[in-house]
PDB file of N, CA and C in Angstrom:
ATOM      1  N   MET A   1      -1.955 -17.870  -3.247  1.00  0.00           N
ATOM      2  CA  MET A   1      -1.855 -16.580  -2.721  1.00  0.00           C
ATOM      3  C   MET A   1      -0.836 -15.780  -3.272  1.00  0.00           C
ATOM      4  N   ILE A   2      -1.061 -14.576  -3.675  1.00  0.00           N
ATOM      5  CA  ILE A   2       0.127 -13.598  -3.940  1.00  0.00           C
ATOM      6  C   ILE A   2       0.154 -12.409  -2.973  1.00  0.00           C
ATOM      7  N   VAL A   3       1.358 -11.701  -2.955  1.00  0.00           N
ATOM      8  CA  VAL A   3       1.285 -10.585  -2.073  1.00  0.00           C
ATOM      9  C   VAL A   3       1.768  -9.360  -3.066  1.00  0.00           C
ATOM     10  N   ASP A   4       1.111  -8.314  -2.909  1.00  0.00           N
ATOM     11  CA  ASP A   4       1.375  -7.114  -3.571  1.00  0.00           C
ATOM     12  C   ASP A   4       2.192  -6.221  -2.568  1.00  0.00           C
ATOM     13  N   LEU A   5       3.572  -6.255  -2.682  1.00  0.00           N
ATOM     14  CA  LEU A   5       4.393  -5.383  -1.939  1.00  0.00           C
ATOM     15  C   LEU A   5       4.580  -4.102  -2.490  1.00  0.00           C
ATOM     16  N   ARG A   6       4.331  -3.046  -1.666  1.00  0.00           N
ATOM     17  CA  ARG A   6       4.499  -1.555  -2.155  1.00  0.00           C
ATOM     18  C   ARG A   6       5.240  -0.780  -1.395  1.00  0.00           C
ATOM     19  N   ILE A   7       6.151  -0.090  -2.018  1.00  0.00           N
ATOM     20  CA  ILE A   7       7.255   0.633  -1.403  1.00  0.00           C
ATOM     21  C   ILE A   7       7.059   2.079  -1.831  1.00  0.00           C
ATOM     22  N   TYR A   8       6.762   3.055  -1.133  1.00  0.00           N
ATOM     23  CA  TYR A   8       6.771   4.488  -1.302  1.00  0.00           C
ATOM     24  C   TYR A   8       7.734   5.302  -0.661  1.00  0.00           C
ATOM     25  N   THR A   9       8.588   6.143  -1.320  1.00  0.00           N
ATOM     26  CA  THR A   9       9.544   7.012  -0.740  1.00  0.00           C
ATOM     27  C   THR A   9       9.035   8.397  -0.715  1.00  0.00           C
ATOM     28  N   THR A  10       8.962   8.989   0.281  1.00  0.00           N
ATOM     29  CA  THR A  10       8.582  10.460   0.417  1.00  0.00           C
ATOM     30  C   THR A  10       9.758  11.414   0.204  1.00  0.00           C
ATOM     31  N   LEU A  11       9.516  12.440   0.074  1.00  0.00           N
ATOM     32  CA  LEU A  11      10.582  13.695   0.046  1.00  0.00           C
ATOM     33  C   LEU A  11      10.854  13.701   1.432  1.00  0.00           C
ATOM     34  N   PRO A  12      12.273  14.167   1.756  1.00  0.00           N
ATOM     35  CA  PRO A  12      12.630  14.378   3.140  1.00  0.00           C
ATOM     36  C   PRO A  12      11.666  15.125   3.941  1.00  0.00           C
ATOM     37  N   ASN A  13      11.360  14.724   5.349  1.00  0.00           N
ATOM     38  CA  ASN A  13      10.562  15.457   6.190  1.00  0.00           C
ATOM     39  C   ASN A  13       9.106  15.553   5.832  1.00  0.00           C
ATOM     40  N   ARG A  14       8.612  14.801   4.769  1.00  0.00           N
ATOM     41  CA  ARG A  14       7.169  14.690   4.390  1.00  0.00           C
ATOM     42  C   ARG A  14       6.550  13.388   4.751  1.00  0.00           C
ATOM     43  N   LEU A  15       7.377  12.377   5.357  1.00  0.00           N
ATOM     44  CA  LEU A  15       6.726  11.234   5.791  1.00  0.00           C
ATOM     45  C   LEU A  15       5.403  11.353   6.611  1.00  0.00           C
ATOM     46  N   PRO A  16       5.569  12.222   7.717  1.00  0.00           N
ATOM     47  CA  PRO A  16       4.327  12.189   8.413  1.00  0.00           C
ATOM     48  C   PRO A  16       3.105  12.973   7.816  1.00  0.00           C
ATOM     49  N   GLU A  17       3.253  13.671   6.871  1.00  0.00           N
ATOM     50  CA  GLU A  17       2.197  14.325   6.063  1.00  0.00           C
ATOM     51  C   GLU A  17       1.633  13.283   5.227  1.00  0.00           C
ATOM     52  N   PHE A  18       2.382  12.539   4.586  1.00  0.00           N
ATOM     53  CA  PHE A  18       1.948  11.286   3.624  1.00  0.00           C
ATOM     54  C   PHE A  18       1.159  10.292   4.461  1.00  0.00           C
ATOM     55  N   VAL A  19       1.713  10.018   5.502  1.00  0.00           N
ATOM     56  CA  VAL A  19       0.990   9.025   6.486  1.00  0.00           C
ATOM     57  C   VAL A  19      -0.283   9.578   6.858  1.00  0.00           C
ATOM     58  N   ALA A  20      -0.395  10.661   7.347  1.00  0.00           N
ATOM     59  CA  ALA A  20      -1.656  11.343   7.728  1.00  0.00           C
ATOM     60  C   ALA A  20      -2.723  11.481   6.685  1.00  0.00           C
ATOM     61  N   LEU A  21      -2.250  11.843   5.498  1.00  0.00           N
ATOM     62  CA  LEU A  21      -3.089  11.934   4.416  1.00  0.00           C
ATOM     63  C   LEU A  21      -3.708  10.376   4.050  1.00  0.00           C
ATOM     64  N   TYR A  22      -2.722   9.515   3.909  1.00  0.00           N
ATOM     65  CA  TYR A  22      -3.093   8.155   3.506  1.00  0.00           C
ATOM     66  C   TYR A  22      -4.105   7.515   4.585  1.00  0.00           C
ATOM     67  N   GLU A  23      -3.785   7.805   5.966  1.00  0.00           N
ATOM     68  CA  GLU A  23      -4.784   7.231   6.895  1.00  0.00           C
ATOM     69  C   GLU A  23      -6.176   7.898   6.924  1.00  0.00           C
ATOM     70  N   ALA A  24      -6.279   9.141   6.604  1.00  0.00           N
ATOM     71  CA  ALA A  24      -7.427   9.860   6.541  1.00  0.00           C
ATOM     72  C   ALA A  24      -8.343   9.508   5.289  1.00  0.00           C
ATOM     73  N   LYS A  25      -7.578   9.296   4.015  1.00  0.00           N
ATOM     74  CA  LYS A  25      -8.299   9.260   2.805  1.00  0.00           C
ATOM     75  C   LYS A  25      -8.147   7.923   2.071  1.00  0.00           C
ATOM     76  N   ALA A  26      -6.975   7.385   2.177  1.00  0.00           N
ATOM     77  CA  ALA A  26      -6.767   6.234   1.425  1.00  0.00           C
ATOM     78  C   ALA A  26      -7.036   4.937   2.145  1.00  0.00           C
ATOM     79  N   TRP A  27      -6.635   4.875   3.480  1.00  0.00           N
ATOM     80  CA  TRP A  27      -6.778   3.580   4.356  1.00  0.00           C
ATOM     81  C   TRP A  27      -8.261   3.006   4.432  1.00  0.00           C
ATOM     82  N   PRO A  28      -9.201   3.930   4.650  1.00  0.00           N
ATOM     83  CA  PRO A  28     -10.523   3.369   4.685  1.00  0.00           C
ATOM     84  C   PRO A  28     -10.995   2.777   3.246  1.00  0.00           C
ATOM     85  N   LEU A  29     -10.638   3.266   2.043  1.00  0.00           N
ATOM     86  CA  LEU A  29     -11.062   2.896   0.832  1.00  0.00           C
ATOM     87  C   LEU A  29     -10.095   1.556   0.526  1.00  0.00           C
ATOM     88  N   GLN A  30      -8.823   1.423   0.925  1.00  0.00           N
ATOM     89  CA  GLN A  30      -8.141   0.247   0.458  1.00  0.00           C
ATOM     90  C   GLN A  30      -8.622  -0.815   1.393  1.00  0.00           C
ATOM     91  N   LEU A  31      -9.025  -0.589   2.677  1.00  0.00           N
ATOM     92  CA  LEU A  31      -9.611  -1.715   3.591  1.00  0.00           C
ATOM     93  C   LEU A  31     -11.013  -2.122   2.832  1.00  0.00           C
ATOM     94  N   GLN A  32     -11.849  -1.214   2.378  1.00  0.00           N
ATOM     95  CA  GLN A  32     -13.046  -1.633   1.757  1.00  0.00           C
ATOM     96  C   GLN A  32     -12.840  -2.332   0.396  1.00  0.00           C
ATOM     97  N   TYR A  33     -11.864  -1.893  -0.375  1.00  0.00           N
ATOM     98  CA  TYR A  33     -11.808  -2.738  -1.670  1.00  0.00           C
ATOM     99  C   TYR A  33     -10.892  -3.850  -1.710  1.00  0.00           C
ATOM    100  N   LEU A  34      -9.668  -3.574  -1.062  1.00  0.00           N
ATOM    101  CA  LEU A  34      -8.605  -4.577  -1.038  1.00  0.00           C
ATOM    102  C   LEU A  34      -8.644  -5.630   0.000  1.00  0.00           C
ATOM    103  N   GLY A  35      -8.946  -5.163   1.132  1.00  0.00           N
ATOM    104  CA  GLY A  35      -9.325  -6.075   2.261  1.00  0.00           C
ATOM    105  C   GLY A  35      -8.317  -6.651   3.072  1.00  0.00           C
ATOM    106  N   ASN A  36      -7.342  -7.518   2.558  1.00  0.00           N
ATOM    107  CA  ASN A  36      -6.340  -8.192   3.204  1.00  0.00           C
ATOM    108  C   ASN A  36      -5.118  -7.576   3.259  1.00  0.00           C
ATOM    109  N   CYS A  37      -5.042  -6.492   4.240  1.00  0.00           N
ATOM    110  CA  CYS A  37      -3.680  -5.982   4.409  1.00  0.00           C
ATOM    111  C   CYS A  37      -2.791  -6.767   5.358  1.00  0.00           C
ATOM    112  N   LEU A  38      -1.634  -7.100   4.839  1.00  0.00           N
ATOM    113  CA  LEU A  38      -0.749  -7.929   5.693  1.00  0.00           C
ATOM    114  C   LEU A  38       0.406  -7.168   6.414  1.00  0.00           C
ATOM    115  N   GLY A  39       0.478  -5.875   6.206  1.00  0.00           N
ATOM    116  CA  GLY A  39       1.262  -5.024   7.005  1.00  0.00           C
ATOM    117  C   GLY A  39       1.283  -3.770   6.462  1.00  0.00           C
ATOM    118  N   TRP A  40       1.496  -2.702   7.277  1.00  0.00           N
ATOM    119  CA  TRP A  40       1.785  -1.298   6.850  1.00  0.00           C
ATOM    120  C   TRP A  40       2.823  -0.668   7.799  1.00  0.00           C
ATOM    121  N   TYR A  41       3.903  -0.303   7.180  1.00  0.00           N
ATOM    122  CA  TYR A  41       5.110   0.060   8.147  1.00  0.00           C
ATOM    123  C   TYR A  41       5.816   1.364   7.520  1.00  0.00           C
ATOM    124  N   THR A  42       6.559   2.020   8.352  1.00  0.00           N
ATOM    125  CA  THR A  42       7.337   2.910   7.960  1.00  0.00           C
ATOM    126  C   THR A  42       8.804   2.481   8.608  1.00  0.00           C
ATOM    127  N   THR A  43       9.844   2.977   7.770  1.00  0.00           N
ATOM    128  CA  THR A  43      11.204   2.508   8.115  1.00  0.00           C
ATOM    129  C   THR A  43      11.856   3.451   9.256  1.00  0.00           C
ATOM    130  N   VAL A  44      12.467   2.780  10.148  1.00  0.00           N
ATOM    131  CA  VAL A  44      13.269   3.627  11.203  1.00  0.00           C
ATOM    132  C   VAL A  44      14.864   3.604  10.940  1.00  0.00           C
ATOM    133  N   GLU A  45      15.197   2.506   9.997  1.00  0.00           N
ATOM    134  CA  GLU A  45      16.820   2.451   9.768  1.00  0.00           C
ATOM    135  C   GLU A  45      16.775   2.191   8.233  1.00  0.00           C
ATOM    136  N   GLY A  46      18.037   2.384   7.662  1.00  0.00           N
ATOM    137  CA  GLY A  46      18.108   1.919   6.299  1.00  0.00           C
ATOM    138  C   GLY A  46      17.653   3.133   5.454  1.00  0.00           C
ATOM    139  N   ALA A  47      16.861   2.924   4.358  1.00  0.00           N
ATOM    140  CA  ALA A  47      16.349   3.904   3.428  1.00  0.00           C
ATOM    141  C   ALA A  47      15.150   4.607   4.095  1.00  0.00           C
ATOM    142  N   LEU A  48      15.389   5.752   4.730  1.00  0.00           N
ATOM    143  CA  LEU A  48      14.545   6.527   5.361  1.00  0.00           C
ATOM    144  C   LEU A  48      13.480   7.177   4.611  1.00  0.00           C
ATOM    145  N   ASN A  49      12.514   7.834   5.217  1.00  0.00           N
ATOM    146  CA  ASN A  49      11.242   8.501   4.392  1.00  0.00           C
ATOM    147  C   ASN A  49      10.571   7.398   3.562  1.00  0.00           C
ATOM    148  N   THR A  50      10.371   6.323   4.083  1.00  0.00           N
ATOM    149  CA  THR A  50       9.929   5.025   3.417  1.00  0.00           C
ATOM    150  C   THR A  50       8.640   4.408   4.021  1.00  0.00           C
ATOM    151  N   VAL A  51       7.675   4.252   3.132  1.00  0.00           N
ATOM    152  CA  VAL A  51       6.569   3.258   3.565  1.00  0.00           C
ATOM    153  C   VAL A  51       6.729   2.045   2.915  1.00  0.00           C
ATOM    154  N   VAL A  52       6.241   0.879   3.678  1.00  0.00           N
ATOM    155  CA  VAL A  52       6.145  -0.388   3.080  1.00  0.00           C
ATOM    156  C   VAL A  52       4.756  -0.948   3.439  1.00  0.00           C
ATOM    157  N   HIS A  53       4.145  -1.307   2.341  1.00  0.00           N
ATOM    158  CA  HIS A  53       2.641  -2.244   2.904  1.00  0.00           C
ATOM    159  C   HIS A  53       2.588  -3.229   1.872  1.00  0.00           C
ATOM    160  N   MET A  54       1.830  -4.214   2.372  1.00  0.00           N
ATOM    161  CA  MET A  54       1.636  -5.482   1.844  1.00  0.00           C
ATOM    162  C   MET A  54       0.265  -5.836   1.723  1.00  0.00           C
ATOM    163  N   TRP A  55      -0.360  -6.428   0.644  1.00  0.00           N
ATOM    164  CA  TRP A  55      -1.724  -6.732   0.513  1.00  0.00           C
ATOM    165  C   TRP A  55      -1.689  -8.102  -0.067  1.00  0.00           C
ATOM    166  N   GLY A  56      -2.472  -9.063   0.536  1.00  0.00           N
ATOM    167  CA  GLY A  56      -2.646 -10.476   0.097  1.00  0.00           C
ATOM    168  C   GLY A  56      -3.781 -10.586  -0.851  1.00  0.00           C
ATOM    169  N   TYR A  57      -3.747 -11.482  -1.837  1.00  0.00           N
ATOM    170  CA  TYR A  57      -4.743 -11.753  -2.864  1.00  0.00           C
ATOM    171  C   TYR A  57      -4.780 -13.200  -3.064  1.00  0.00           C
ATOM    172  N   ALA A  58      -5.925 -13.577  -3.373  1.00  0.00           N
ATOM    173  CA  ALA A  58      -6.102 -15.058  -3.810  1.00  0.00           C
ATOM    174  C   ALA A  58      -5.164 -15.328  -4.970  1.00  0.00           C
ATOM    175  N   ASP A  59      -5.136 -14.524  -6.100  1.00  0.00           N
ATOM    176  CA  ASP A  59      -4.311 -14.762  -7.272  1.00  0.00           C
ATOM    177  C   ASP A  59      -4.305 -13.210  -7.986  1.00  0.00           C
ATOM    178  N   GLN A  60      -3.653 -13.264  -9.095  1.00  0.00           N
ATOM    179  CA  GLN A  60      -3.654 -11.981  -9.925  1.00  0.00           C
ATOM    180  C   GLN A  60      -4.976 -11.330 -10.320  1.00  0.00           C
ATOM    181  N   GLY A  61      -5.949 -12.353 -10.750  1.00  0.00           N
ATOM    182  CA  GLY A  61      -7.190 -11.922 -11.159  1.00  0.00           C
ATOM    183  C   GLY A  61      -7.921 -11.239  -9.858  1.00  0.00           C
ATOM    184  N   ASP A  62      -7.838 -11.752  -8.723  1.00  0.00           N
ATOM    185  CA  ASP A  62      -8.404 -11.190  -7.526  1.00  0.00           C
ATOM    186  C   ASP A  62      -7.911  -9.760  -7.390  1.00  0.00           C
ATOM    187  N   ARG A  63      -6.509  -9.604  -7.496  1.00  0.00           N
ATOM    188  CA  ARG A  63      -5.883  -8.255  -7.198  1.00  0.00           C
ATOM    189  C   ARG A  63      -6.460  -7.372  -8.388  1.00  0.00           C
ATOM    190  N   GLU A  64      -6.453  -7.736  -9.553  1.00  0.00           N
ATOM    191  CA  GLU A  64      -6.849  -6.770 -10.554  1.00  0.00           C
ATOM    192  C   GLU A  64      -8.314  -6.383 -10.345  1.00  0.00           C
ATOM    193  N   ARG A  65      -9.318  -7.378 -10.015  1.00  0.00           N
ATOM    194  CA  ARG A  65     -10.625  -6.954  -9.695  1.00  0.00           C
ATOM    195  C   ARG A  65     -10.935  -6.020  -8.584  1.00  0.00           C
ATOM    196  N   ARG A  66     -10.103  -6.323  -7.590  1.00  0.00           N
ATOM    197  CA  ARG A  66     -10.295  -5.350  -6.468  1.00  0.00           C
ATOM    198  C   ARG A  66      -9.677  -3.999  -6.587  1.00  0.00           C
ATOM    199  N   ARG A  67      -8.558  -3.926  -7.436  1.00  0.00           N
ATOM    200  CA  ARG A  67      -7.809  -2.649  -7.604  1.00  0.00           C
ATOM    201  C   ARG A  67      -8.705  -1.899  -8.707  1.00  0.00           C
ATOM    202  N   THR A  68      -9.211  -2.523  -9.579  1.00  0.00           N
ATOM    203  CA  THR A  68     -10.112  -1.909 -10.660  1.00  0.00           C
ATOM    204  C   THR A  68     -11.352  -1.217  -9.925  1.00  0.00           C
ATOM    205  N   ALA A  69     -11.952  -2.189  -9.047  1.00  0.00           N
ATOM    206  CA  ALA A  69     -13.149  -1.416  -8.231  1.00  0.00           C
ATOM    207  C   ALA A  69     -12.783  -0.329  -7.533  1.00  0.00           C
ATOM    208  N   MET A  70     -11.682  -0.320  -6.918  1.00  0.00           N
ATOM    209  CA  MET A  70     -11.091   0.816  -5.957  1.00  0.00           C
ATOM    210  C   MET A  70     -10.913   2.075  -6.933  1.00  0.00           C
ATOM    211  N   ALA A  71     -10.215   1.749  -8.081  1.00  0.00           N
ATOM    212  CA  ALA A  71      -9.929   2.834  -9.043  1.00  0.00           C
ATOM    213  C   ALA A  71     -11.069   3.547  -9.635  1.00  0.00           C
ATOM    214  N   ALA A  72     -12.189   2.869  -9.650  1.00  0.00           N
ATOM    215  CA  ALA A  72     -13.648   3.481 -10.073  1.00  0.00           C
ATOM    216  C   ALA A  72     -14.120   4.332  -9.105  1.00  0.00           C
ATOM    217  N   ASP A  73     -13.726   4.301  -7.801  1.00  0.00           N
ATOM    218  CA  ASP A  73     -14.516   4.981  -6.721  1.00  0.00           C
ATOM    219  C   ASP A  73     -13.902   6.477  -6.900  1.00  0.00           C
ATOM    220  N   PRO A  74     -14.856   7.522  -6.869  1.00  0.00           N
ATOM    221  CA  PRO A  74     -14.482   8.892  -7.088  1.00  0.00           C
ATOM    222  C   PRO A  74     -13.530   9.302  -5.801  1.00  0.00           C
ATOM    223  N   ALA A  75     -13.835   8.662  -4.664  1.00  0.00           N
ATOM    224  CA  ALA A  75     -13.051   9.157  -3.585  1.00  0.00           C
ATOM    225  C   ALA A  75     -11.665   8.739  -3.620  1.00  0.00           C
ATOM    226  N   TRP A  76     -11.454   7.668  -4.454  1.00  0.00           N
ATOM    227  CA  TRP A  76      -9.812   7.131  -4.763  1.00  0.00           C
ATOM    228  C   TRP A  76      -9.224   8.182  -5.500  1.00  0.00           C
ATOM    229  N   GLY A  77      -9.986   8.651  -6.641  1.00  0.00           N
ATOM    230  CA  GLY A  77      -9.357   9.684  -7.526  1.00  0.00           C
ATOM    231  C   GLY A  77      -8.991  10.878  -6.868  1.00  0.00           C
ATOM    232  N   ASP A  78      -9.900  11.314  -5.913  1.00  0.00           N
ATOM    233  CA  ASP A  78      -9.786  12.556  -5.020  1.00  0.00           C
ATOM    234  C   ASP A  78      -8.558  12.527  -4.061  1.00  0.00           C
ATOM    235  N   TYR A  79      -8.361  11.169  -3.522  1.00  0.00           N
ATOM    236  CA  TYR A  79      -7.171  10.958  -2.671  1.00  0.00           C
ATOM    237  C   TYR A  79      -5.796  11.084  -3.678  1.00  0.00           C
ATOM    238  N   LEU A  80      -5.908  10.311  -4.791  1.00  0.00           N
ATOM    239  CA  LEU A  80      -4.633  10.536  -5.708  1.00  0.00           C
ATOM    240  C   LEU A  80      -4.400  11.918  -6.109  1.00  0.00           C
ATOM    241  N   ALA A  81      -5.493  12.703  -6.507  1.00  0.00           N
ATOM    242  CA  ALA A  81      -5.249  14.077  -6.845  1.00  0.00           C
ATOM    243  C   ALA A  81      -4.675  14.916  -5.852  1.00  0.00           C
ATOM    244  N   GLU A  82      -5.121  14.598  -4.551  1.00  0.00           N
ATOM    245  CA  GLU A  82      -4.583  15.467  -3.453  1.00  0.00           C
ATOM    246  C   GLU A  82      -3.169  15.036  -3.287  1.00  0.00           C
ATOM    247  N   ALA A  83      -2.901  13.958  -3.251  1.00  0.00           N
ATOM    248  CA  ALA A  83      -1.556  13.318  -2.860  1.00  0.00           C
ATOM    249  C   ALA A  83      -0.626  13.880  -3.895  1.00  0.00           C
ATOM    250  N   GLY A  84      -0.949  13.978  -5.157  1.00  0.00           N
ATOM    251  CA  GLY A  84      -0.097  14.319  -6.291  1.00  0.00           C
ATOM    252  C   GLY A  84      -0.092  15.827  -6.184  1.00  0.00           C
ATOM    253  N   ALA A  85      -1.081  16.703  -5.744  1.00  0.00           N
ATOM    254  CA  ALA A  85      -0.893  18.134  -5.630  1.00  0.00           C
ATOM    255  C   ALA A  85       0.064  18.443  -4.560  1.00  0.00           C
ATOM    256  N   ARG A  86       0.099  17.695  -3.502  1.00  0.00           N
ATOM    257  CA  ARG A  86       0.929  18.021  -2.331  1.00  0.00           C
ATOM    258  C   ARG A  86       2.446  17.660  -2.830  1.00  0.00           C
ATOM    259  N   GLY A  87       2.602  16.927  -3.687  1.00  0.00           N
ATOM    260  CA  GLY A  87       3.999  16.605  -4.084  1.00  0.00           C
ATOM    261  C   GLY A  87       4.837  15.792  -2.995  1.00  0.00           C
ATOM    262  N   LEU A  88       4.093  14.776  -2.441  1.00  0.00           N
ATOM    263  CA  LEU A  88       4.833  14.165  -1.242  1.00  0.00           C
ATOM    264  C   LEU A  88       5.872  13.114  -1.781  1.00  0.00           C
ATOM    265  N   LEU A  89       5.505  12.433  -2.711  1.00  0.00           N
ATOM    266  CA  LEU A  89       6.254  11.135  -3.131  1.00  0.00           C
ATOM    267  C   LEU A  89       7.361  11.483  -4.036  1.00  0.00           C
ATOM    268  N   LEU A  90       8.580  10.699  -3.837  1.00  0.00           N
ATOM    269  CA  LEU A  90       9.700  10.774  -4.636  1.00  0.00           C
ATOM    270  C   LEU A  90       9.676   9.627  -5.515  1.00  0.00           C
ATOM    271  N   LYS A  91       9.248   8.428  -5.026  1.00  0.00           N
ATOM    272  CA  LYS A  91       9.424   7.196  -5.790  1.00  0.00           C
ATOM    273  C   LYS A  91       8.279   6.123  -5.256  1.00  0.00           C
ATOM    274  N   MET A  92       7.827   5.421  -6.235  1.00  0.00           N
ATOM    275  CA  MET A  92       6.828   4.478  -5.850  1.00  0.00           C
ATOM    276  C   MET A  92       7.313   3.092  -6.543  1.00  0.00           C
ATOM    277  N   GLU A  93       7.181   2.105  -5.884  1.00  0.00           N
ATOM    278  CA  GLU A  93       7.474   0.724  -6.388  1.00  0.00           C
ATOM    279  C   GLU A  93       6.493  -0.362  -5.859  1.00  0.00           C
ATOM    280  N   ASN A  94       6.260  -1.342  -6.734  1.00  0.00           N
ATOM    281  CA  ASN A  94       5.591  -2.424  -6.206  1.00  0.00           C
ATOM    282  C   ASN A  94       5.975  -3.806  -6.889  1.00  0.00           C
ATOM    283  N   ARG A  95       5.904  -4.842  -6.053  1.00  0.00           N
ATOM    284  CA  ARG A  95       6.229  -6.119  -6.533  1.00  0.00           C
ATOM    285  C   ARG A  95       5.335  -7.031  -6.217  1.00  0.00           C
ATOM    286  N   ILE A  96       5.102  -8.025  -7.107  1.00  0.00           N
ATOM    287  CA  ILE A  96       4.175  -9.059  -6.842  1.00  0.00           C
ATOM    288  C   ILE A  96       4.981 -10.318  -6.328  1.00  0.00           C
ATOM    289  N   LEU A  97       4.589 -10.884  -5.263  1.00  0.00           N
ATOM    290  CA  LEU A  97       5.396 -12.005  -4.694  1.00  0.00           C
ATOM    291  C   LEU A  97       4.364 -13.218  -4.537  1.00  0.00           C
ATOM    292  N   ARG A  98       5.133 -14.339  -4.397  1.00  0.00           N
ATOM    293  CA  ARG A  98       4.381 -15.594  -4.247  1.00  0.00           C
ATOM    294  C   ARG A  98       5.265 -16.256  -3.221  1.00  0.00           C
ATOM    295  N   PRO A  99       4.591 -17.084  -2.182  1.00  0.00           N
ATOM    296  CA  PRO A  99       5.178 -17.802  -1.244  1.00  0.00           C
ATOM    297  C   PRO A  99       6.033 -19.036  -1.911  1.00  0.00           C
ATOM    298  N   THR A 100       6.984 -19.299  -1.156  1.00  0.00           N
ATOM    299  CA  THR A 100       7.791 -20.428  -1.474  1.00  0.00           C
ATOM    300  C   THR A 100       7.063 -21.670  -0.980  1.00  0.00           C
ATOM    301  N   GLY A 101       7.381 -22.875  -1.660  1.00  0.00           N
ATOM    302  CA  GLY A 101       6.620 -24.068  -1.174  1.00  0.00           C
ATOM    303  C   GLY A 101       6.708 -24.506   0.329  1.00  0.00           C
ATOM    304  N   PHE A 102       7.836 -24.019   1.031  1.00  0.00           N
ATOM    305  CA  PHE A 102       8.116 -24.443   2.357  1.00  0.00           C
ATOM    306  C   PHE A 102       7.610 -23.307   3.450  1.00  0.00           C
ATOM    307  N   PHE A 103       6.974 -22.269   2.983  1.00  0.00           N
ATOM    308  CA  PHE A 103       6.662 -21.166   3.877  1.00  0.00           C
ATOM    309  C   PHE A 103       5.368 -21.214   4.308  1.00  0.00           C
ATOM    310  N   SER A 104       4.958 -20.966   5.539  1.00  0.00           N
ATOM    311  CA  SER A 104       3.426 -20.733   5.900  1.00  0.00           C
ATOM    312  C   SER A 104       3.533 -19.717   6.949  1.00  0.00           C
ATOM    313  N   ALA A 105       2.527 -18.758   6.980  1.00  0.00           N
ATOM    314  CA  ALA A 105       2.586 -17.650   7.858  1.00  0.00           C
ATOM    315  C   ALA A 105       2.925 -18.037   9.371  1.00  0.00           C
ATOM    316  N   LEU A 106       3.744 -17.185   9.832  1.00  0.00           N
ATOM    317  CA  LEU A 106       4.077 -17.537  11.405  1.00  0.00           C
ATOM    318  C   LEU A 106       3.069 -17.391  12.124  1.00  0.00           C
ATOM    319  N   PRO A 107       3.051 -18.286  13.270  1.00  0.00           N
ATOM    320  CA  PRO A 107       1.860 -18.307  14.223  1.00  0.00           C
ATOM    321  C   PRO A 107       2.016 -16.899  15.111  1.00  0.00           C
ATOM    322  N   LYS A 108       0.914 -16.397  15.426  1.00  0.00           N
ATOM    323  CA  LYS A 108       0.956 -15.259  16.299  1.00  0.00           C
ATOM    324  C   LYS A 108       1.265 -15.583  17.715  1.00  0.00           C
ATOM    325  N   GLY A 109       2.125 -14.830  18.318  1.00  0.00           N
ATOM    326  CA  GLY A 109       2.594 -15.243  19.624  1.00  0.00           C
ATOM    327  C   GLY A 109       3.290 -14.334  20.464  1.00  0.00           C
TER     328      GLY A 109
END
């Protein structure tokens, strides 16, 4: 398994607007195409105005197939165009992570 860690920084005071737009237009599409969301968070301390989300994939090929399918959906293009037109984001980062040999997901409790 690999994890796609995504970190988005919004302009000051624009985080609520970004989250609302994402929830309405991107979240349903990402759940449909990407499927395995491991977490979706906003920061409360440290680097503010930041969203962090993680998506799990079987491997890089699985990630590429899923993201390519999502990118082909016109609704995804509409979301990207609207997010760009609103000028909400200051910075976007993503990292591909793989688990260490000793780690397994923590039990829910």
